[in-house]
Amino acid sequence: MIYFITFNDQPSGIYQSQVVGVISLLQKLSGKPMKLIAFFPRQSYFKNRDYLREQKVPFIAIPMIFGITRWKWYRLFMLLFIRRGASAVCRGPISACLAKGFFSKVVYDGRAAVKAEVEEYDVTSGNLALGADLARCERSAILDSNFRIAVSERLVEYWKREFSYSGNEHVIIPSTLTYAAADAGPFTDEFSADPSEVRVVYSGSTSGWQSFDLVVKLLDELMAKQENVQIIFLTTENIAIDDLIAKYPRRCCRRFISHDDVYYVLSGCDYGILLRDSKVTNQVASPVKFAEYLHAGLQILITPGLGDFSDLVEKVGCGLIVKDEIPFLPKPTTERKFENHKLSIDYFSKDSSRMLEVYKTLLHSLE
């Protein structure tokens, strides 16, 4: 039996891809039974439990009746539900600490530089005790687990620098495509703009780590100097977007659409925005948006040092590196868009030969 443990993770497109999709794939590859143990906030417990029922994966959903700060108390549930001698994949540092001592093999699924997130973006909302706990759990997860998953080589470098990790018992699995995007098919010109127009899209939230002020500033400068550029924001309302729309009413718009429709809008654009501040959180990141942009055929506008992706852009030519300003944007050819789509399948589809070999290595570590 292999368990997959999540803690305080809310189901979303990313959860579907990085948890439900991975469980299905590992079960298929290994032929072994798998079970998800999901700790959900009690306020959303029933909704999230019903979501998992719809996904048809074996699971145990546990309400977080003690809150987050008393996370150690949830070890009681591990005593009740796990099968002795099993292995576990643990998403995030608290999951790995909960699993410690209960499983024959523990794999830490490291999705971020957690200590850096606390310090740079105050993800614990000022709760210093919880922040210290997360840092301790991250150290333990990295140093005490039997094997590790990292989303980027840069994340492994962070582990070595911050926690003196010196092993090579890890694999790199970037944020892969969601199944909805992977099944959507190749580039389509259904939403193509006029041939003289260059359409740039920003898709995602406007949260702090998205460096949204930087994005708006650079896009404002781009539109001022290149009159054939149009900007589409796929996000919720934001005053900075409103100001930009007021300044360029015929060249800038905002839409908020369902996740299932995002691919079809992206595929009618030319460039995707992925600009981040130069902080550790971003330097080690693997934004799923990179894979989604590439899958839709987009050229990617990316800042230097964003995870492993800036190097990939320079290596294969699937976008432009943005430093002090966004350069002049030529219209990408249809051939280039098809090439980007193929790259996304090779690098970010769970079913690609490259990624299947990585998942097989992961399974071997659980034996």
Protein backbone atom coordinates (compact mmCIF):
# COMPACT_ATOMS: atom_id res chain seq x y z
CA MET A 1 0.00 0.00 0.00
CA ILE A 2 1.20 3.51 -0.87
CA TYR A 3 -0.35 6.52 0.83
CA PHE A 4 -0.40 10.09 -0.46
CA ILE A 5 -0.78 12.68 2.31
CA THR A 6 -1.89 16.31 1.96
CA PHE A 7 -2.40 18.84 4.73
CA ASN A 8 -4.52 22.00 4.43
CA ASP A 9 -4.49 21.75 0.63
CA GLN A 10 -7.69 22.92 -1.04
CA PRO A 11 -8.84 21.07 -4.17
CA SER A 12 -8.24 23.08 -7.33
CA GLY A 13 -6.84 22.58 -10.81
CA ILE A 14 -3.38 22.20 -9.28
CA TYR A 15 -4.66 19.69 -6.71
CA GLN A 16 -6.28 17.75 -9.52
CA SER A 17 -2.98 17.60 -11.40
CA GLN A 18 -0.42 17.26 -8.61
CA VAL A 19 -2.39 15.01 -6.26
CA VAL A 20 -5.32 13.18 -7.90
CA GLY A 21 -3.56 12.83 -11.25
CA VAL A 22 -0.32 11.62 -9.66
CA ILE A 23 -2.15 9.04 -7.52
CA SER A 24 -3.88 7.64 -10.62
CA LEU A 25 -0.60 7.49 -12.53
CA LEU A 26 1.40 5.84 -9.73
CA GLN A 27 -1.33 3.28 -9.19
CA LYS A 28 -1.33 2.47 -12.90
CA LEU A 29 2.46 2.20 -13.10
CA SER A 30 2.96 0.20 -9.91
CA GLY A 31 -0.12 -1.98 -9.85
CA LYS A 32 -0.23 -1.34 -6.11
CA PRO A 33 -3.20 0.05 -4.19
CA MET A 34 -2.94 3.70 -3.22
CA LYS A 35 -4.92 5.79 -0.78
CA LEU A 36 -5.08 9.54 -0.26
CA ILE A 37 -5.13 10.89 3.29
CA ALA A 38 -6.34 14.48 3.04
CA PHE A 39 -6.54 16.84 6.02
CA PHE A 40 -9.05 19.55 5.12
CA PRO A 41 -10.07 22.73 7.01
CA ARG A 42 -13.26 21.95 8.87
CA GLN A 43 -15.08 24.90 7.22
CA SER A 44 -14.70 23.31 3.77
CA TYR A 45 -14.49 19.68 4.82
CA PHE A 46 -17.78 18.42 3.36
CA LYS A 47 -17.32 20.24 0.05
CA ASN A 48 -13.79 18.88 -0.32
CA ARG A 49 -14.83 15.38 0.71
CA ASP A 50 -17.54 15.39 -1.95
CA TYR A 51 -14.97 16.57 -4.50
CA LEU A 52 -12.78 13.57 -3.75
CA ARG A 53 -15.74 11.24 -4.08
CA GLU A 54 -16.28 12.58 -7.59
CA GLN A 55 -12.63 11.88 -8.47
CA LYS A 56 -13.07 8.19 -7.68
CA VAL A 57 -9.74 7.80 -5.88
CA PRO A 58 -9.51 5.82 -2.62
CA PHE A 59 -9.27 8.38 0.16
CA ILE A 60 -9.66 9.19 3.83
CA ALA A 61 -10.72 12.80 4.44
CA ILE A 62 -10.00 14.15 7.92
CA PRO A 63 -11.44 17.44 9.23
CA MET A 64 -8.83 19.72 10.83
CA ILE A 65 -10.79 20.13 14.06
CA PHE A 66 -7.71 21.33 15.95
CA GLY A 67 -6.80 24.03 13.40
CA ILE A 68 -3.38 24.37 11.78
CA THR A 69 -1.19 25.38 14.71
CA ARG A 70 -1.95 22.15 16.63
CA TRP A 71 -0.92 20.06 13.65
CA LYS A 72 0.99 17.56 15.82
CA TRP A 73 -2.30 16.37 17.33
CA TYR A 74 -3.27 14.90 13.96
CA ARG A 75 -0.69 12.16 14.45
CA LEU A 76 -3.48 10.46 16.42
CA PHE A 77 -5.31 9.91 13.14
CA MET A 78 -2.23 8.30 11.60
CA LEU A 79 -2.40 5.65 14.32
CA LEU A 80 -6.01 4.94 13.41
CA PHE A 81 -5.91 4.83 9.62
CA ILE A 82 -2.56 3.71 8.22
CA ARG A 83 -1.51 0.17 7.38
CA ARG A 84 1.79 -0.86 8.96
CA GLY A 85 4.71 -1.35 6.57
CA ALA A 86 3.27 1.02 3.97
CA SER A 87 5.09 3.85 2.20
CA ALA A 88 3.97 7.46 1.85
CA VAL A 89 4.35 10.42 -0.49
CA CYS A 90 3.93 13.58 1.61
CA ARG A 91 2.99 16.85 -0.04
CA GLY A 92 4.47 19.71 1.97
CA PRO A 93 6.57 19.78 5.16
CA ILE A 94 3.79 19.28 7.73
CA SER A 95 2.56 16.16 5.91
CA ALA A 96 6.10 14.76 6.01
CA CYS A 97 6.39 15.46 9.74
CA LEU A 98 3.02 13.82 10.40
CA ALA A 99 4.22 10.72 8.56
CA LYS A 100 7.53 10.47 10.42
CA GLY A 101 7.82 7.16 12.27
CA PHE A 102 4.66 5.63 10.82
CA PHE A 103 5.87 4.44 7.42
CA SER A 104 8.64 2.21 6.13
CA LYS A 105 9.51 4.79 3.44
CA VAL A 106 8.66 8.50 3.33
CA VAL A 107 8.98 10.64 0.21
CA TYR A 108 8.86 14.40 0.71
CA ASP A 109 7.05 16.17 -2.13
CA GLY A 110 8.64 19.61 -1.93
CA ARG A 111 6.65 22.17 -3.91
CA ALA A 112 8.27 25.38 -2.61
CA ALA A 113 10.92 27.00 -0.42
CA VAL A 114 8.61 27.16 2.59
CA LYS A 115 10.90 29.02 4.99
CA ALA A 116 11.49 31.65 2.29
CA GLU A 117 7.73 31.99 1.67
CA VAL A 118 7.19 32.73 5.36
CA GLU A 119 9.97 35.32 5.45
CA GLU A 120 9.26 36.99 2.10
CA TYR A 121 5.47 36.86 1.83
CA ASP A 122 4.22 36.28 5.39
CA VAL A 123 2.13 33.27 4.38
CA THR A 124 1.31 32.61 8.05
CA SER A 125 -0.24 36.10 8.47
CA GLY A 126 2.13 37.09 11.24
CA ASN A 127 1.87 33.84 13.23
CA LEU A 128 5.53 33.58 14.24
CA ALA A 129 5.11 30.24 16.03
CA LEU A 130 3.55 28.62 12.97
CA GLY A 131 6.26 30.13 10.75
CA ALA A 132 8.96 28.64 12.98
CA ASP A 133 7.15 25.29 12.94
CA LEU A 134 7.03 25.29 9.15
CA ALA A 135 10.78 26.00 8.95
CA ARG A 136 11.53 23.15 11.37
CA CYS A 137 9.24 20.80 9.48
CA GLU A 138 10.86 21.74 6.18
CA ARG A 139 14.32 20.99 7.58
CA SER A 140 13.13 17.62 8.91
CA ALA A 141 11.31 16.75 5.68
CA ILE A 142 14.42 17.46 3.60
CA LEU A 143 17.00 15.80 5.84
CA ASP A 144 15.05 12.89 7.35
CA SER A 145 12.93 11.62 4.44
CA ASN A 146 14.05 8.56 2.49
CA PHE A 147 13.55 10.30 -0.87
CA ARG A 148 12.51 13.69 -2.19
CA ILE A 149 10.63 15.31 -5.05
CA ALA A 150 11.67 18.85 -6.01
CA VAL A 151 9.90 21.05 -8.53
CA SER A 152 13.17 22.50 -9.82
CA GLU A 153 16.93 22.12 -9.69
CA ARG A 154 16.93 25.56 -8.08
CA LEU A 155 14.86 24.19 -5.20
CA VAL A 156 17.47 21.49 -4.60
CA GLU A 157 20.15 24.19 -4.56
CA TYR A 158 18.09 26.00 -1.92
CA TRP A 159 17.95 22.81 0.15
CA LYS A 160 21.71 22.47 -0.05
CA ARG A 161 22.32 26.12 0.81
CA GLU A 162 19.74 26.53 3.56
CA PHE A 163 19.62 23.07 5.17
CA SER A 164 22.94 21.46 4.15
CA TYR A 165 21.24 18.74 2.13
CA SER A 166 24.10 16.81 0.54
CA GLY A 167 22.48 13.76 -1.00
CA ASN A 168 21.28 12.91 -4.49
CA GLU A 169 18.21 10.94 -3.46
CA HIS A 170 15.68 13.08 -5.27
CA VAL A 171 13.97 13.57 -8.60
CA ILE A 172 12.83 16.74 -10.35
CA ILE A 173 9.13 16.84 -11.21
CA PRO A 174 8.01 20.31 -12.30
CA SER A 175 4.41 21.44 -12.07
CA THR A 176 2.89 19.39 -14.87
CA LEU A 177 -0.11 20.02 -17.06
CA THR A 178 -3.56 19.49 -15.64
CA TYR A 179 -5.47 16.71 -17.37
CA ALA A 180 -7.97 19.22 -18.77
CA ALA A 181 -5.21 21.17 -20.49
CA ALA A 182 -3.32 18.08 -21.61
CA ASP A 183 -6.44 16.72 -23.32
CA ALA A 184 -7.39 19.98 -25.01
CA GLY A 185 -5.51 19.30 -28.24
CA PRO A 186 -3.02 21.37 -30.24
CA PHE A 187 -2.99 25.08 -30.95
CA THR A 188 -6.16 26.45 -32.46
CA ASP A 189 -6.61 29.82 -34.13
CA GLU A 190 -10.28 30.04 -33.17
CA PHE A 191 -9.61 33.27 -31.24
CA SER A 192 -6.82 34.66 -33.45
CA ALA A 193 -6.49 38.43 -33.55
CA ASP A 194 -5.98 40.54 -36.64
CA PRO A 195 -2.62 39.55 -38.26
CA SER A 196 -1.15 42.94 -37.38
CA GLU A 197 -1.99 42.63 -33.68
CA VAL A 198 0.15 41.02 -31.00
CA ARG A 199 -1.95 39.67 -28.16
CA VAL A 200 -0.38 39.34 -24.70
CA VAL A 201 -2.15 37.48 -21.90
CA TYR A 202 -1.78 37.44 -18.14
CA SER A 203 -3.49 34.46 -16.50
CA GLY A 204 -3.48 33.92 -12.74
CA SER A 205 -4.07 35.66 -9.46
CA THR A 206 -2.87 39.07 -8.32
CA SER A 207 -1.40 37.75 -5.05
CA GLY A 208 1.83 39.11 -3.63
CA TRP A 209 4.16 36.46 -5.05
CA GLN A 210 2.78 37.10 -8.54
CA SER A 211 4.66 40.45 -8.55
CA PHE A 212 1.60 42.07 -10.10
CA ASP A 213 2.74 45.69 -9.67
CA LEU A 214 5.83 44.84 -11.74
CA VAL A 215 3.65 43.18 -14.39
CA VAL A 216 1.37 46.20 -14.79
CA LYS A 217 4.28 48.65 -14.91
CA LEU A 218 6.07 46.76 -17.67
CA LEU A 219 2.89 46.21 -19.68
CA ASP A 220 2.03 49.90 -19.47
CA GLU A 221 5.45 50.77 -20.88
CA LEU A 222 5.08 48.14 -23.61
CA MET A 223 1.70 49.44 -24.79
CA ALA A 224 3.01 52.99 -24.90
CA LYS A 225 5.82 52.09 -27.28
CA GLN A 226 4.19 49.31 -29.39
CA GLU A 227 0.77 50.30 -30.65
CA ASN A 228 -0.20 46.91 -32.11
CA VAL A 229 -0.07 45.20 -28.69
CA GLN A 230 -3.28 44.10 -26.97
CA ILE A 231 -3.42 42.90 -23.35
CA ILE A 232 -5.89 40.37 -21.92
CA PHE A 233 -6.03 39.76 -18.16
CA LEU A 234 -7.62 36.49 -17.06
CA THR A 235 -8.06 37.25 -13.38
CA THR A 236 -10.34 38.86 -10.83
CA GLU A 237 -10.94 42.59 -10.54
CA ASN A 238 -7.97 44.75 -9.64
CA ILE A 239 -7.63 48.53 -9.49
CA ALA A 240 -4.32 48.51 -11.39
CA ILE A 241 -6.02 46.63 -14.25
CA ASP A 242 -8.91 49.11 -14.20
CA ASP A 243 -6.44 51.98 -14.56
CA LEU A 244 -4.74 50.29 -17.50
CA ILE A 245 -8.07 49.60 -19.22
CA ALA A 246 -9.05 53.25 -18.73
CA LYS A 247 -5.77 54.32 -20.34
CA TYR A 248 -6.01 51.86 -23.27
CA PRO A 249 -9.75 51.04 -23.57
CA ARG A 250 -9.53 49.47 -27.03
CA ARG A 251 -6.35 47.52 -26.39
CA CYS A 252 -6.79 46.15 -22.88
CA CYS A 253 -9.50 44.02 -21.28
CA ARG A 254 -10.11 41.74 -18.31
CA ARG A 255 -12.09 38.52 -18.19
CA PHE A 256 -12.64 36.00 -15.41
CA ILE A 257 -13.48 32.58 -16.81
CA SER A 258 -13.66 28.98 -15.63
CA HIS A 259 -10.50 26.88 -15.55
CA ASP A 260 -11.89 24.65 -18.30
CA ASP A 261 -12.10 27.61 -20.70
CA VAL A 262 -8.67 29.09 -20.05
CA TYR A 263 -6.85 27.00 -22.65
CA TYR A 264 -9.09 28.15 -25.48
CA VAL A 265 -8.51 31.82 -24.66
CA LEU A 266 -4.77 31.32 -24.24
CA SER A 267 -4.51 29.57 -27.59
CA GLY A 268 -5.74 32.70 -29.35
CA CYS A 269 -2.90 34.78 -27.88
CA ASP A 270 0.76 35.19 -28.76
CA TYR A 271 2.68 35.81 -25.53
CA GLY A 272 2.12 34.77 -21.92
CA ILE A 273 3.31 36.89 -18.99
CA LEU A 274 5.41 35.26 -16.27
CA LEU A 275 7.23 38.08 -14.54
CA ARG A 276 8.27 37.77 -10.88
CA ASP A 277 10.35 39.66 -8.35
CA SER A 278 13.83 38.30 -7.70
CA LYS A 279 13.10 36.61 -4.38
CA VAL A 280 14.00 33.12 -3.23
CA THR A 281 10.34 32.04 -3.42
CA ASN A 282 10.33 32.81 -7.14
CA GLN A 283 13.90 31.69 -7.84
CA VAL A 284 13.03 28.09 -6.91
CA ALA A 285 9.46 28.04 -8.24
CA SER A 286 7.80 25.94 -10.92
CA PRO A 287 4.66 27.89 -11.89
CA VAL A 288 2.11 25.63 -13.55
CA LYS A 289 1.28 28.64 -15.71
CA PHE A 290 4.51 28.11 -17.66
CA ALA A 291 3.33 24.68 -18.79
CA GLU A 292 -0.15 25.98 -19.62
CA TYR A 293 1.18 28.89 -21.66
CA LEU A 294 3.53 26.63 -23.58
CA HIS A 295 0.82 24.04 -24.21
CA ALA A 296 -1.37 26.74 -25.77
CA GLY A 297 1.49 27.62 -28.14
CA LEU A 298 2.46 30.90 -26.48
CA GLN A 299 5.86 32.50 -26.40
CA ILE A 300 6.64 33.27 -22.75
CA LEU A 301 7.83 36.60 -21.36
CA ILE A 302 9.82 35.63 -18.29
CA THR A 303 12.16 37.30 -15.82
CA PRO A 304 15.71 35.98 -15.32
CA GLY A 305 16.24 33.31 -12.67
CA LEU A 306 12.64 32.08 -12.38
CA GLY A 307 13.14 28.48 -11.29
CA ASP A 308 14.59 26.35 -14.09
CA PHE A 309 12.31 27.96 -16.66
CA SER A 310 14.34 31.05 -17.59
CA ASP A 311 17.20 28.77 -18.64
CA LEU A 312 14.79 26.63 -20.64
CA VAL A 313 13.46 29.70 -22.48
CA GLU A 314 16.99 30.69 -23.46
CA LYS A 315 17.89 27.12 -24.43
CA VAL A 316 14.96 26.32 -26.72
CA GLY A 317 13.76 29.80 -27.77
CA CYS A 318 10.21 29.49 -26.48
CA GLY A 319 10.04 33.10 -25.30
CA LEU A 320 11.99 36.17 -24.27
CA ILE A 321 13.89 37.07 -21.10
CA VAL A 322 12.58 40.35 -19.67
CA LYS A 323 15.00 42.45 -17.61
CA ASP A 324 14.41 46.19 -17.35
CA GLU A 325 11.69 46.36 -20.01
CA ILE A 326 9.69 44.16 -22.35
CA PRO A 327 11.39 44.27 -25.76
CA PHE A 328 9.61 44.73 -29.09
CA LEU A 329 7.33 41.72 -29.63
CA PRO A 330 7.19 40.23 -33.12
CA LYS A 331 4.19 38.12 -34.09
CA PRO A 332 5.08 34.43 -33.50
CA THR A 333 4.66 32.11 -36.47
CA THR A 334 2.20 29.24 -36.42
CA GLU A 335 5.18 26.88 -36.71
CA ARG A 336 6.67 28.34 -33.53
CA LYS A 337 3.39 27.85 -31.72
CA PHE A 338 3.20 24.21 -32.74
CA GLU A 339 6.79 23.74 -31.57
CA ASN A 340 5.95 25.23 -28.18
CA HIS A 341 2.98 22.88 -27.89
CA LYS A 342 5.25 19.89 -28.58
CA LEU A 343 7.73 21.13 -25.98
CA SER A 344 4.97 21.25 -23.37
CA ILE A 345 4.09 17.61 -24.00
CA ASP A 346 7.72 16.51 -23.71
CA TYR A 347 8.54 18.48 -20.55
CA PHE A 348 5.23 18.75 -18.71
CA SER A 349 2.92 15.88 -19.62
CA LYS A 350 2.87 13.04 -17.08
CA ASP A 351 2.53 10.58 -19.97
CA SER A 352 5.67 11.69 -21.83
CA SER A 353 8.54 9.20 -21.95
CA ARG A 354 10.73 11.69 -20.07
CA MET A 355 8.29 12.07 -17.17
CA LEU A 356 7.30 8.40 -17.01
CA GLU A 357 10.94 7.48 -16.34
CA VAL A 358 11.03 9.99 -13.48
CA TYR A 359 7.85 8.57 -11.93
CA LYS A 360 9.28 5.05 -12.22
CA THR A 361 12.36 6.22 -10.29
CA LEU A 362 10.04 7.64 -7.65
CA LEU A 363 8.20 4.32 -7.36
CA HIS A 364 11.49 2.46 -7.02
CA SER A 365 12.32 4.66 -4.02
CA LEU A 366 9.11 3.53 -2.33
CA GLU A 367 9.89 -0.20 -2.57
